[in-house]
Amino acid sequence: MSDTATMHIDGASRGNPGAAAYAVVLARPGLPVVEEADTIGTASNNVAEYTALVEGLGLAAELGVKKLQVFSDSELMVKQMAGAYKVKNEDLRTLYEEACRLRKQFESVTITHVRREQNKRADAIGNEALDGRPRKRGQSPLPAHSPLPDDGAGTRPSPASDAPVRADAVQCLTDAANHWAAKGLKGLPPEAVWEQLWSLLEEAGVLKKKAK
């Protein structure tokens, strides 16, 4: 089993700047997924994205993670952390420097850009935090969604259509296949793809179905 943890992060700002929140979804091999999301007051979207990285790195370090692969849909932040872009915004500089400091605590950290649809779980809990349902550090995790109603026969009804989640799952696998074909496993471990597929199926209620 791999000893590398994977972490999806996201930041959101309603208004940019406006009410903002960060979100972290940390998956460690053989252990339960840890989720954290909270509001940060009024901030820009980029500040929220960097806050997610800083808080996520801090959380991973607290939990003893040594090797970490981070996935974010913020291309700006990923390229700045890779040194491809300079950090010109003073509002981001302090957060950037803190992220660089925290990064040094790990044996290895990679930060990879992913499409927004590959970051759905982090996006969802970030928006839930803005809606008044934060996930504080140390608190028990909240359910991903409310249980589907029982049909009285001990089974749960299917969603109106499985087409949307099927399309998302196929796209996720296609993106992974294209990445692996071009770069191998570097930057996108199978564990990360599995976490994304699990999140897609869970949010759609597919995992609640029982075999007939």
C-alpha atoms as a PDB file:
ATOM      1  CA  MET A   1       0.000   0.000   0.000  1.00  0.00           C
ATOM      2  CA  SER A   2       1.242   3.488  -0.824  1.00  0.00           C
ATOM      3  CA  ASP A   3       2.349   5.616   2.120  1.00  0.00           C
ATOM      4  CA  THR A   4       1.450   8.826   0.293  1.00  0.00           C
ATOM      5  CA  ALA A   5      -1.637  10.774   1.381  1.00  0.00           C
ATOM      6  CA  THR A   6      -3.769  12.708  -1.102  1.00  0.00           C
ATOM      7  CA  MET A   7      -5.442  16.020  -0.392  1.00  0.00           C
ATOM      8  CA  HIS A   8      -8.028  17.937  -2.420  1.00  0.00           C
ATOM      9  CA  ILE A   9      -8.364  21.604  -1.509  1.00  0.00           C
ATOM     10  CA  ASP A  10     -10.613  24.433  -2.605  1.00  0.00           C
ATOM     11  CA  GLY A  11     -11.327  28.069  -1.815  1.00  0.00           C
ATOM     12  CA  ALA A  12     -14.488  30.001  -2.589  1.00  0.00           C
ATOM     13  CA  SER A  13     -15.497  33.651  -2.474  1.00  0.00           C
ATOM     14  CA  ARG A  14     -19.023  34.844  -3.119  1.00  0.00           C
ATOM     15  CA  GLY A  15     -18.423  38.265  -4.602  1.00  0.00           C
ATOM     16  CA  ASN A  16     -14.655  38.055  -5.101  1.00  0.00           C
ATOM     17  CA  PRO A  17     -13.983  39.674  -2.717  1.00  0.00           C
ATOM     18  CA  GLY A  18     -16.880  38.598  -0.568  1.00  0.00           C
ATOM     19  CA  ALA A  19     -17.844  35.984   2.000  1.00  0.00           C
ATOM     20  CA  ALA A  20     -15.135  33.350   1.650  1.00  0.00           C
ATOM     21  CA  ALA A  21     -14.312  29.841   2.852  1.00  0.00           C
ATOM     22  CA  TYR A  22     -11.704  27.136   2.410  1.00  0.00           C
ATOM     23  CA  ALA A  23     -12.081  23.357   2.223  1.00  0.00           C
ATOM     24  CA  VAL A  24      -9.748  20.388   2.678  1.00  0.00           C
ATOM     25  CA  VAL A  25     -10.359  16.681   1.947  1.00  0.00           C
ATOM     26  CA  LEU A  26      -7.447  14.558   3.198  1.00  0.00           C
ATOM     27  CA  ALA A  27      -7.226  10.854   2.387  1.00  0.00           C
ATOM     28  CA  ARG A  28      -4.572   8.736   4.128  1.00  0.00           C
ATOM     29  CA  PRO A  29      -3.954   5.106   3.146  1.00  0.00           C
ATOM     30  CA  GLY A  30      -5.944   2.751   5.358  1.00  0.00           C
ATOM     31  CA  LEU A  31      -7.510   5.532   7.434  1.00  0.00           C
ATOM     32  CA  PRO A  32     -10.823   7.448   7.330  1.00  0.00           C
ATOM     33  CA  VAL A  33     -10.997  10.536   5.137  1.00  0.00           C
ATOM     34  CA  VAL A  34     -10.639  13.775   7.102  1.00  0.00           C
ATOM     35  CA  GLU A  35     -12.631  16.818   5.945  1.00  0.00           C
ATOM     36  CA  GLU A  36     -12.260  20.400   7.105  1.00  0.00           C
ATOM     37  CA  ALA A  37     -14.036  23.530   5.856  1.00  0.00           C
ATOM     38  CA  ASP A  38     -14.619  26.921   7.452  1.00  0.00           C
ATOM     39  CA  THR A  39     -15.299  30.548   6.650  1.00  0.00           C
ATOM     40  CA  ILE A  40     -12.524  33.162   6.673  1.00  0.00           C
ATOM     41  CA  GLY A  41     -14.536  36.375   6.540  1.00  0.00           C
ATOM     42  CA  THR A  42     -14.353  38.636   3.496  1.00  0.00           C
ATOM     43  CA  ALA A  43     -11.615  37.708   1.038  1.00  0.00           C
ATOM     44  CA  SER A  44     -10.822  37.187  -2.628  1.00  0.00           C
ATOM     45  CA  ASN A  45     -11.040  33.808  -4.287  1.00  0.00           C
ATOM     46  CA  ASN A  46      -7.241  33.589  -4.551  1.00  0.00           C
ATOM     47  CA  VAL A  47      -6.826  34.307  -0.842  1.00  0.00           C
ATOM     48  CA  ALA A  48      -9.356  31.558  -0.110  1.00  0.00           C
ATOM     49  CA  GLU A  49      -7.447  29.122  -2.349  1.00  0.00           C
ATOM     50  CA  TYR A  50      -4.154  29.854  -0.594  1.00  0.00           C
ATOM     51  CA  THR A  51      -5.833  29.610   2.802  1.00  0.00           C
ATOM     52  CA  ALA A  52      -7.034  26.132   1.843  1.00  0.00           C
ATOM     53  CA  LEU A  53      -3.460  25.141   1.003  1.00  0.00           C
ATOM     54  CA  VAL A  54      -2.048  26.552   4.244  1.00  0.00           C
ATOM     55  CA  GLU A  55      -4.757  24.996   6.411  1.00  0.00           C
ATOM     56  CA  GLY A  56      -4.495  21.715   4.543  1.00  0.00           C
ATOM     57  CA  LEU A  57      -0.733  21.496   4.954  1.00  0.00           C
ATOM     58  CA  GLY A  58      -1.118  22.330   8.640  1.00  0.00           C
ATOM     59  CA  LEU A  59      -3.755  19.626   9.077  1.00  0.00           C
ATOM     60  CA  ALA A  60      -1.654  17.015   7.276  1.00  0.00           C
ATOM     61  CA  ALA A  61       1.385  17.865   9.372  1.00  0.00           C
ATOM     62  CA  GLU A  62      -0.655  17.609  12.592  1.00  0.00           C
ATOM     63  CA  LEU A  63      -1.815  14.146  11.560  1.00  0.00           C
ATOM     64  CA  GLY A  64       1.720  12.972  10.919  1.00  0.00           C
ATOM     65  CA  VAL A  65       1.597  12.788   7.122  1.00  0.00           C
ATOM     66  CA  LYS A  66       5.085  12.646   5.600  1.00  0.00           C
ATOM     67  CA  LYS A  67       4.358  12.302   1.885  1.00  0.00           C
ATOM     68  CA  LEU A  68       1.534  14.285   0.345  1.00  0.00           C
ATOM     69  CA  GLN A  69       0.000  14.861  -3.060  1.00  0.00           C
ATOM     70  CA  VAL A  70      -2.184  17.976  -3.222  1.00  0.00           C
ATOM     71  CA  PHE A  71      -4.821  18.600  -5.891  1.00  0.00           C
ATOM     72  CA  SER A  72      -6.315  22.048  -6.544  1.00  0.00           C
ATOM     73  CA  ASP A  73      -8.381  23.620  -9.304  1.00  0.00           C
ATOM     74  CA  SER A  74      -6.547  26.951  -8.838  1.00  0.00           C
ATOM     75  CA  GLU A  75      -4.094  27.101 -11.740  1.00  0.00           C
ATOM     76  CA  LEU A  76      -2.650  30.385 -10.460  1.00  0.00           C
ATOM     77  CA  MET A  77      -1.784  28.987  -7.046  1.00  0.00           C
ATOM     78  CA  VAL A  78      -0.386  25.733  -8.424  1.00  0.00           C
ATOM     79  CA  LYS A  79       1.895  27.566 -10.869  1.00  0.00           C
ATOM     80  CA  GLN A  80       3.008  30.059  -8.237  1.00  0.00           C
ATOM     81  CA  MET A  81       3.888  27.244  -5.838  1.00  0.00           C
ATOM     82  CA  ALA A  82       5.829  25.561  -8.660  1.00  0.00           C
ATOM     83  CA  GLY A  83       7.752  28.774  -9.355  1.00  0.00           C
ATOM     84  CA  ALA A  84       6.292  29.197 -12.839  1.00  0.00           C
ATOM     85  CA  TYR A  85       4.492  32.422 -11.835  1.00  0.00           C
ATOM     86  CA  LYS A  86       5.718  35.143  -9.501  1.00  0.00           C
ATOM     87  CA  VAL A  87       3.589  36.201  -6.528  1.00  0.00           C
ATOM     88  CA  LYS A  88       2.941  39.865  -7.249  1.00  0.00           C
ATOM     89  CA  ASN A  89      -0.165  40.357  -5.096  1.00  0.00           C
ATOM     90  CA  GLU A  90       0.788  41.442  -1.579  1.00  0.00           C
ATOM     91  CA  ASP A  91      -2.408  39.909  -0.172  1.00  0.00           C
ATOM     92  CA  LEU A  92      -1.122  36.503  -1.283  1.00  0.00           C
ATOM     93  CA  ARG A  93       2.532  36.880  -0.387  1.00  0.00           C
ATOM     94  CA  THR A  94       2.170  36.117   3.342  1.00  0.00           C
ATOM     95  CA  LEU A  95       0.053  33.043   2.609  1.00  0.00           C
ATOM     96  CA  TYR A  96       2.486  31.914  -0.101  1.00  0.00           C
ATOM     97  CA  GLU A  97       5.435  32.217   2.275  1.00  0.00           C
ATOM     98  CA  GLU A  98       3.564  30.316   4.985  1.00  0.00           C
ATOM     99  CA  ALA A  99       2.693  27.545   2.540  1.00  0.00           C
ATOM    100  CA  CYS A 100       6.358  27.293   1.521  1.00  0.00           C
ATOM    101  CA  ARG A 101       7.384  27.072   5.175  1.00  0.00           C
ATOM    102  CA  LEU A 102       4.842  24.345   5.934  1.00  0.00           C
ATOM    103  CA  ARG A 103       5.822  22.425   2.822  1.00  0.00           C
ATOM    104  CA  LYS A 104       9.327  21.952   4.212  1.00  0.00           C
ATOM    105  CA  GLN A 105       7.950  19.842   7.087  1.00  0.00           C
ATOM    106  CA  PHE A 106       7.177  16.953   4.713  1.00  0.00           C
ATOM    107  CA  GLU A 107       9.446  14.434   3.057  1.00  0.00           C
ATOM    108  CA  SER A 108       7.720  15.186  -0.237  1.00  0.00           C
ATOM    109  CA  VAL A 109       4.831  17.364  -1.421  1.00  0.00           C
ATOM    110  CA  THR A 110       3.494  17.651  -4.964  1.00  0.00           C
ATOM    111  CA  ILE A 111       0.810  20.160  -5.931  1.00  0.00           C
ATOM    112  CA  THR A 112      -1.149  19.349  -9.081  1.00  0.00           C
ATOM    113  CA  HIS A 113      -3.774  21.299 -10.978  1.00  0.00           C
ATOM    114  CA  VAL A 114      -7.032  19.441 -11.678  1.00  0.00           C
ATOM    115  CA  ARG A 115     -10.239  20.454 -13.371  1.00  0.00           C
ATOM    116  CA  ARG A 116     -13.027  21.767 -11.192  1.00  0.00           C
ATOM    117  CA  GLU A 117     -15.180  18.708 -11.776  1.00  0.00           C
ATOM    118  CA  GLN A 118     -12.360  16.606 -10.344  1.00  0.00           C
ATOM    119  CA  ASN A 119     -12.516  18.613  -7.138  1.00  0.00           C
ATOM    120  CA  LYS A 120     -16.231  18.320  -6.401  1.00  0.00           C
ATOM    121  CA  ARG A 121     -16.079  17.140  -2.817  1.00  0.00           C
ATOM    122  CA  ALA A 122     -13.860  19.997  -1.650  1.00  0.00           C
ATOM    123  CA  ASP A 123     -16.030  22.464  -3.574  1.00  0.00           C
ATOM    124  CA  ALA A 124     -19.179  21.048  -1.973  1.00  0.00           C
ATOM    125  CA  ILE A 125     -18.024  21.258   1.641  1.00  0.00           C
ATOM    126  CA  GLY A 126     -16.593  24.734   1.044  1.00  0.00           C
ATOM    127  CA  ASN A 127     -20.003  25.931  -0.102  1.00  0.00           C
ATOM    128  CA  GLU A 128     -21.630  24.166   2.849  1.00  0.00           C
ATOM    129  CA  ALA A 129     -19.342  26.157   5.154  1.00  0.00           C
ATOM    130  CA  LEU A 130     -20.536  29.374   3.497  1.00  0.00           C
ATOM    131  CA  ASP A 131     -24.101  28.169   4.038  1.00  0.00           C
ATOM    132  CA  GLY A 132     -23.499  27.786   7.779  1.00  0.00           C
ATOM    133  CA  ARG A 133     -22.303  24.157   7.957  1.00  0.00           C
ATOM    134  CA  PRO A 134     -18.559  24.338   8.637  1.00  0.00           C
ATOM    135  CA  ARG A 135     -16.398  21.332   9.420  1.00  0.00           C
ATOM    136  CA  LYS A 136     -14.144  22.421  12.252  1.00  0.00           C
ATOM    137  CA  ARG A 137     -10.816  20.759  12.959  1.00  0.00           C
ATOM    138  CA  GLY A 138     -11.292  17.997  15.496  1.00  0.00           C
ATOM    139  CA  GLN A 139     -15.053  17.729  15.050  1.00  0.00           C
ATOM    140  CA  SER A 140     -16.736  14.527  13.945  1.00  0.00           C
ATOM    141  CA  PRO A 141     -17.371  14.546  10.170  1.00  0.00           C
ATOM    142  CA  LEU A 142     -20.829  15.450   8.920  1.00  0.00           C
ATOM    143  CA  PRO A 143     -22.646  13.138   6.511  1.00  0.00           C
ATOM    144  CA  ALA A 144     -22.008  13.869   2.862  1.00  0.00           C
ATOM    145  CA  HIS A 145     -25.748  14.303   2.255  1.00  0.00           C
ATOM    146  CA  SER A 146     -29.085  13.451   3.819  1.00  0.00           C
ATOM    147  CA  PRO A 147     -30.161   9.812   3.500  1.00  0.00           C
ATOM    148  CA  LEU A 148     -32.417   9.011   0.589  1.00  0.00           C
ATOM    149  CA  PRO A 149     -35.967   8.028   1.588  1.00  0.00           C
ATOM    150  CA  ASP A 150     -36.777   4.336   1.888  1.00  0.00           C
ATOM    151  CA  ASP A 151     -39.433   2.978  -0.451  1.00  0.00           C
ATOM    152  CA  GLY A 152     -40.871   0.707   2.246  1.00  0.00           C
ATOM    153  CA  ALA A 153     -39.346  -2.431   0.805  1.00  0.00           C
ATOM    154  CA  GLY A 154     -35.918  -1.979   2.328  1.00  0.00           C
ATOM    155  CA  THR A 155     -34.380  -0.449  -0.792  1.00  0.00           C
ATOM    156  CA  ARG A 156     -33.689   3.107  -1.783  1.00  0.00           C
ATOM    157  CA  PRO A 157     -35.035   4.674  -4.983  1.00  0.00           C
ATOM    158  CA  SER A 158     -32.682   5.331  -7.835  1.00  0.00           C
ATOM    159  CA  PRO A 159     -31.936   8.930  -8.872  1.00  0.00           C
ATOM    160  CA  ALA A 160     -34.063  10.185 -11.749  1.00  0.00           C
ATOM    161  CA  SER A 161     -31.155   9.486 -14.060  1.00  0.00           C
ATOM    162  CA  ASP A 162     -27.689   8.054 -13.650  1.00  0.00           C
ATOM    163  CA  ALA A 163     -26.542   9.778 -16.830  1.00  0.00           C
ATOM    164  CA  PRO A 164     -24.928  12.860 -15.168  1.00  0.00           C
ATOM    165  CA  VAL A 165     -22.870  10.880 -12.649  1.00  0.00           C
ATOM    166  CA  ARG A 166     -21.966   8.337 -15.327  1.00  0.00           C
ATOM    167  CA  ALA A 167     -20.698  11.136 -17.549  1.00  0.00           C
ATOM    168  CA  ASP A 168     -18.688  12.619 -14.664  1.00  0.00           C
ATOM    169  CA  ALA A 169     -17.210   9.223 -13.789  1.00  0.00           C
ATOM    170  CA  VAL A 170     -16.294   8.472 -17.401  1.00  0.00           C
ATOM    171  CA  GLN A 171     -14.692  11.919 -17.746  1.00  0.00           C
ATOM    172  CA  CYS A 172     -12.725  11.380 -14.539  1.00  0.00           C
ATOM    173  CA  LEU A 173     -11.395   8.048 -15.837  1.00  0.00           C
ATOM    174  CA  THR A 174     -10.692   9.522 -19.275  1.00  0.00           C
ATOM    175  CA  ASP A 175      -8.704  12.396 -17.753  1.00  0.00           C
ATOM    176  CA  ALA A 176      -6.752   9.940 -15.621  1.00  0.00           C
ATOM    177  CA  ALA A 177      -6.041   7.681 -18.615  1.00  0.00           C
ATOM    178  CA  ASN A 178      -4.811  10.632 -20.673  1.00  0.00           C
ATOM    179  CA  HIS A 179      -2.589  11.813 -17.817  1.00  0.00           C
ATOM    180  CA  TRP A 180      -1.101   8.348 -17.268  1.00  0.00           C
ATOM    181  CA  ALA A 181      -0.536   7.863 -20.983  1.00  0.00           C
ATOM    182  CA  ALA A 182       1.419  11.115 -21.122  1.00  0.00           C
ATOM    183  CA  LYS A 183       3.191  11.166 -17.753  1.00  0.00           C
ATOM    184  CA  GLY A 184       2.697   7.799 -16.087  1.00  0.00           C
ATOM    185  CA  LEU A 185       1.653   7.785 -12.425  1.00  0.00           C
ATOM    186  CA  LYS A 186       3.633  10.927 -11.633  1.00  0.00           C
ATOM    187  CA  GLY A 187       1.354  13.615 -10.183  1.00  0.00           C
ATOM    188  CA  LEU A 188      -1.824  11.531 -10.313  1.00  0.00           C
ATOM    189  CA  PRO A 189      -1.760   8.336  -8.227  1.00  0.00           C
ATOM    190  CA  PRO A 190      -4.518   5.711  -8.625  1.00  0.00           C
ATOM    191  CA  GLU A 191      -5.569   6.433  -5.036  1.00  0.00           C
ATOM    192  CA  ALA A 192      -6.506  10.005  -5.987  1.00  0.00           C
ATOM    193  CA  VAL A 193      -8.623   8.793  -8.911  1.00  0.00           C
ATOM    194  CA  TRP A 194     -10.369   6.325  -6.617  1.00  0.00           C
ATOM    195  CA  GLU A 195     -11.146   9.088  -4.073  1.00  0.00           C
ATOM    196  CA  GLN A 196     -12.650  11.220  -6.833  1.00  0.00           C
ATOM    197  CA  LEU A 197     -14.783   8.363  -8.148  1.00  0.00           C
ATOM    198  CA  TRP A 198     -15.952   7.541  -4.634  1.00  0.00           C
ATOM    199  CA  SER A 199     -16.931  11.183  -4.084  1.00  0.00           C
ATOM    200  CA  LEU A 200     -18.853  11.314  -7.377  1.00  0.00           C
ATOM    201  CA  LEU A 201     -20.780   8.120  -6.609  1.00  0.00           C
ATOM    202  CA  GLU A 202     -21.460   9.100  -3.016  1.00  0.00           C
ATOM    203  CA  GLU A 203     -22.793  12.555  -3.891  1.00  0.00           C
ATOM    204  CA  ALA A 204     -25.084  11.050  -6.536  1.00  0.00           C
ATOM    205  CA  GLY A 205     -26.476   8.503  -4.079  1.00  0.00           C
ATOM    206  CA  VAL A 206     -25.217   5.566  -6.119  1.00  0.00           C
ATOM    207  CA  LEU A 207     -23.443   4.060  -3.107  1.00  0.00           C
ATOM    208  CA  LYS A 208     -26.763   3.972  -1.263  1.00  0.00           C
ATOM    209  CA  LYS A 209     -28.231   1.518  -3.751  1.00  0.00           C
ATOM    210  CA  LYS A 210     -28.576  -2.137  -2.850  1.00  0.00           C
ATOM    211  CA  ALA A 211     -28.104  -4.965  -5.287  1.00  0.00           C
ATOM    212  CA  LYS A 212     -31.334  -6.467  -6.542  1.00  0.00           C
END
